[in-house]
């Protein structure tokens, strides 16, 4: 997702791939388990899970077992090459889950902003940790007030604005919203800065440095 202040022309399905450095700053700060697997419900071409895998490889940690959902069928081939379980061509929000307890350690995604609240609410029962890259303004508005009161997230702010398109930084500030065991509900923290030479947009099908 991306802010609309930069252009009136939107990408189909609000697809804006996540730069790897955004994921790096989160994982530099928080530790998440990986015994039950991780879920990416809006996988796109896999930018988030590739960034996680690359970060963990640099640290010598075991690889995460992923389940990926992606609405746009055009990404099927690139996701298949990544070798994870995937469900492509169906909306994650339309998928019926019957679990009575969390089945994943982590859900992590950069959801379509127009559906961000729906993604949060659907994901909360599925995992011990729900992690979403969202505009900082997601904290506000009457529509989300009940969600925020009942399920206050921890908020880890990126001090540098991402570029989702390679055409300049976004017009909004962003943060990782974390619900669950690793987040410390209600915590507000500024993550470490990233140098300009390392703030690169995501490259299709690979984790940008």
Protein backbone atom coordinates (compact mmCIF):
# COMPACT_ATOMS: atom_id res chain seq x y z
CA UNK A 1 0.00 0.00 0.00
CA UNK A 2 0.98 3.62 -0.44
CA UNK A 3 -0.38 7.06 0.28
CA UNK A 4 -2.57 8.79 -2.26
CA UNK A 5 -1.05 12.21 -1.75
CA UNK A 6 1.62 11.64 -4.38
CA UNK A 7 -0.64 10.73 -7.30
CA UNK A 8 -4.28 10.17 -8.18
CA UNK A 9 -3.30 7.09 -10.19
CA UNK A 10 -3.40 3.96 -8.05
CA UNK A 11 -1.76 0.61 -8.68
CA UNK A 12 -4.24 -2.26 -9.25
CA UNK A 13 -5.39 -3.77 -5.93
CA UNK A 14 -3.27 -1.21 -4.05
CA UNK A 15 -0.13 -3.19 -4.84
CA UNK A 16 3.00 -1.45 -3.56
CA UNK A 17 5.90 -3.79 -2.79
CA UNK A 18 7.67 -3.41 0.55
CA UNK A 19 11.35 -2.36 0.50
CA UNK A 20 13.55 -4.86 2.34
CA UNK A 21 15.10 -2.22 4.58
CA UNK A 22 11.70 -1.62 6.21
CA UNK A 23 11.58 -5.29 7.20
CA UNK A 24 15.20 -5.20 8.37
CA UNK A 25 14.55 -2.37 10.82
CA UNK A 26 11.65 -4.30 12.37
CA UNK A 27 13.59 -7.55 12.71
CA UNK A 28 16.61 -5.71 14.10
CA UNK A 29 14.34 -4.65 16.98
CA UNK A 30 11.92 -7.55 17.60
CA UNK A 31 12.37 -11.30 17.84
CA UNK A 32 9.66 -13.59 16.48
CA UNK A 33 9.45 -17.40 16.78
CA UNK A 34 9.16 -19.59 13.69
CA UNK A 35 8.15 -23.04 14.94
CA UNK A 36 4.59 -22.92 13.53
CA UNK A 37 5.31 -21.02 10.34
CA UNK A 38 4.54 -17.52 9.10
CA UNK A 39 1.69 -16.26 6.94
CA UNK A 40 1.85 -13.56 4.25
CA UNK A 41 -1.79 -12.82 3.30
CA UNK A 42 -1.02 -10.22 0.61
CA UNK A 43 2.20 -11.63 -0.80
CA UNK A 44 2.48 -9.77 -4.10
CA UNK A 45 5.72 -11.00 -5.64
CA UNK A 46 7.06 -12.04 -2.24
CA UNK A 47 8.98 -8.93 -1.18
CA UNK A 48 8.23 -9.32 2.54
CA UNK A 49 8.99 -13.02 2.87
CA UNK A 50 12.16 -12.64 0.78
CA UNK A 51 13.32 -9.81 3.02
CA UNK A 52 12.63 -11.89 6.13
CA UNK A 53 14.47 -14.88 4.66
CA UNK A 54 17.45 -12.74 3.67
CA UNK A 55 17.66 -11.13 7.12
CA UNK A 56 17.49 -14.49 8.90
CA UNK A 57 20.10 -15.97 6.56
CA UNK A 58 22.50 -13.12 7.40
CA UNK A 59 21.98 -13.89 11.09
CA UNK A 60 22.48 -17.62 10.64
CA UNK A 61 18.91 -18.42 11.70
CA UNK A 62 16.76 -21.23 10.31
CA UNK A 63 14.48 -20.51 7.40
CA UNK A 64 10.84 -19.66 8.02
CA UNK A 65 8.12 -21.95 6.67
CA UNK A 66 5.72 -19.67 4.78
CA UNK A 67 2.12 -19.80 3.61
CA UNK A 68 1.38 -17.11 1.02
CA UNK A 69 -1.93 -15.74 -0.25
CA UNK A 70 -2.09 -13.44 -3.26
CA UNK A 71 -5.13 -12.23 -5.18
CA UNK A 72 -3.31 -11.41 -8.43
CA UNK A 73 -2.67 -14.56 -10.47
CA UNK A 74 0.14 -12.87 -12.41
CA UNK A 75 2.43 -13.44 -9.42
CA UNK A 76 1.92 -17.21 -9.35
CA UNK A 77 5.11 -18.10 -11.22
CA UNK A 78 7.43 -15.94 -9.16
CA UNK A 79 5.87 -17.16 -5.90
CA UNK A 80 6.14 -20.79 -7.05
CA UNK A 81 9.86 -20.30 -7.66
CA UNK A 82 10.27 -19.26 -4.02
CA UNK A 83 9.18 -22.74 -2.96
CA UNK A 84 6.59 -21.90 -0.31
CA UNK A 85 3.00 -23.05 0.18
CA UNK A 86 0.82 -20.59 -1.67
CA UNK A 87 -2.76 -19.84 -2.62
CA UNK A 88 -2.85 -17.52 -5.63
CA UNK A 89 -5.87 -16.06 -7.41
CA UNK A 90 -8.16 -15.96 -4.38
CA UNK A 91 -8.67 -13.12 -1.93
CA UNK A 92 -7.33 -13.89 1.52
CA UNK A 93 -10.40 -12.16 2.97
CA UNK A 94 -12.67 -14.63 1.16
CA UNK A 95 -10.88 -17.69 2.50
CA UNK A 96 -12.76 -19.55 5.26
CA UNK A 97 -10.63 -20.39 8.31
CA UNK A 98 -12.14 -22.78 10.86
CA UNK A 99 -9.35 -22.80 13.45
CA UNK A 100 -10.21 -22.22 17.12
CA UNK A 101 -6.69 -21.15 18.11
CA UNK A 102 -3.70 -19.49 16.43
CA UNK A 103 -2.08 -21.65 13.77
CA UNK A 104 0.87 -19.40 12.83
CA UNK A 105 3.62 -17.78 14.85
CA UNK A 106 3.47 -14.62 12.75
CA UNK A 107 1.30 -12.94 10.16
CA UNK A 108 3.30 -10.20 8.47
CA UNK A 109 2.23 -8.11 5.50
CA UNK A 110 1.89 -4.73 3.86
CA UNK A 111 -1.88 -4.93 3.21
CA UNK A 112 -3.93 -3.01 0.64
CA UNK A 113 -4.60 0.14 2.63
CA UNK A 114 -8.26 0.33 1.62
CA UNK A 115 -8.73 -3.08 3.28
CA UNK A 116 -6.19 -2.76 6.08
CA UNK A 117 -8.68 -2.94 8.95
CA UNK A 118 -10.32 -6.01 7.43
CA UNK A 119 -6.92 -7.68 7.13
CA UNK A 120 -6.06 -6.91 10.75
CA UNK A 121 -9.36 -8.24 12.05
CA UNK A 122 -9.15 -11.42 9.97
CA UNK A 123 -5.54 -12.07 11.00
CA UNK A 124 -5.80 -11.53 14.76
CA UNK A 125 -7.27 -15.01 15.47
CA UNK A 126 -4.77 -16.73 13.16
CA UNK A 127 -1.41 -15.97 14.77
CA UNK A 128 0.36 -15.24 18.01
CA UNK A 129 1.85 -12.13 16.39
CA UNK A 130 0.17 -9.98 13.73
CA UNK A 131 2.50 -7.48 12.06
CA UNK A 132 1.31 -4.89 9.54
CA UNK A 133 3.14 -2.09 7.72
CA UNK A 134 0.66 0.78 7.84
CA UNK A 135 0.46 4.52 7.61
CA UNK A 136 0.95 6.13 10.99
CA UNK A 137 -2.46 7.73 10.49
CA UNK A 138 -4.03 4.27 10.85
CA UNK A 139 -4.14 5.05 14.57
CA UNK A 140 -6.81 7.67 13.98
CA UNK A 141 -10.42 7.84 12.72
CA UNK A 142 -13.68 6.82 14.33
CA UNK A 143 -13.95 3.75 12.07
CA UNK A 144 -10.93 2.11 13.71
CA UNK A 145 -11.42 3.44 17.24
CA UNK A 146 -13.10 0.32 18.61
CA UNK A 147 -10.41 -1.93 17.13
CA UNK A 148 -7.71 0.23 18.71
CA UNK A 149 -9.42 0.23 22.11
CA UNK A 150 -10.03 -3.51 22.18
CA UNK A 151 -6.76 -4.55 20.53
CA UNK A 152 -4.14 -1.83 21.09
CA UNK A 153 -1.05 -2.51 18.98
CA UNK A 154 2.55 -1.67 19.62
CA UNK A 155 3.70 0.90 17.07
CA UNK A 156 7.26 0.88 15.71
CA UNK A 157 7.78 3.95 13.56
CA UNK A 158 10.10 4.06 10.55
CA UNK A 159 11.91 7.41 10.83
CA UNK A 160 12.61 7.35 7.08
CA UNK A 161 9.78 7.38 4.56
CA UNK A 162 9.78 4.43 2.15
CA UNK A 163 9.70 4.62 -1.62
CA UNK A 164 7.22 2.05 -2.91
CA UNK A 165 7.64 2.90 -6.59
CA UNK A 166 11.22 4.10 -6.99
CA UNK A 167 9.91 7.53 -7.92
CA UNK A 168 10.55 9.32 -4.63
CA UNK A 169 9.45 8.72 -1.07
CA UNK A 170 5.85 8.29 -0.07
CA UNK A 171 3.77 11.23 1.12
CA UNK A 172 2.93 9.57 4.46
CA UNK A 173 4.83 8.34 7.49
CA UNK A 174 4.81 4.60 8.16
CA UNK A 175 5.13 2.24 11.09
CA UNK A 176 5.00 -1.44 11.86
CA UNK A 177 1.88 -2.17 13.91
CA UNK A 178 2.39 -5.26 16.06
CA UNK A 179 -0.35 -7.16 17.86
CA UNK A 180 0.57 -10.12 20.07
CA UNK A 181 3.25 -11.67 22.19
CA UNK A 182 6.26 -9.82 20.78
CA UNK A 183 4.80 -6.35 20.47
CA UNK A 184 4.16 -5.05 24.02
CA UNK A 185 0.65 -3.63 23.52
CA UNK A 186 0.47 0.14 23.53
CA UNK A 187 4.22 0.62 23.12
CA UNK A 188 5.34 3.46 20.85
CA UNK A 189 8.91 3.42 19.61
CA UNK A 190 11.02 4.95 16.85
CA UNK A 191 13.06 2.35 14.97
CA UNK A 192 16.64 2.88 13.85
CA UNK A 193 17.34 5.09 10.87
CA UNK A 194 18.43 3.75 7.49
CA UNK A 195 21.02 5.51 5.37
CA UNK A 196 19.84 6.93 2.05
CA UNK A 197 22.04 4.58 0.01
CA UNK A 198 20.34 1.60 1.68
CA UNK A 199 16.78 2.85 1.24
CA UNK A 200 16.00 1.18 -2.07
CA UNK A 201 12.56 0.16 -3.36
CA UNK A 202 11.68 -3.51 -3.68
CA UNK A 203 12.75 -5.28 -6.87
CA UNK A 204 10.28 -7.73 -8.38
CA UNK A 205 11.00 -11.25 -7.26
CA UNK A 206 14.00 -10.52 -5.07
CA UNK A 207 14.90 -8.91 -1.76
CA UNK A 208 16.38 -5.48 -2.33
CA UNK A 209 19.48 -4.68 -0.26
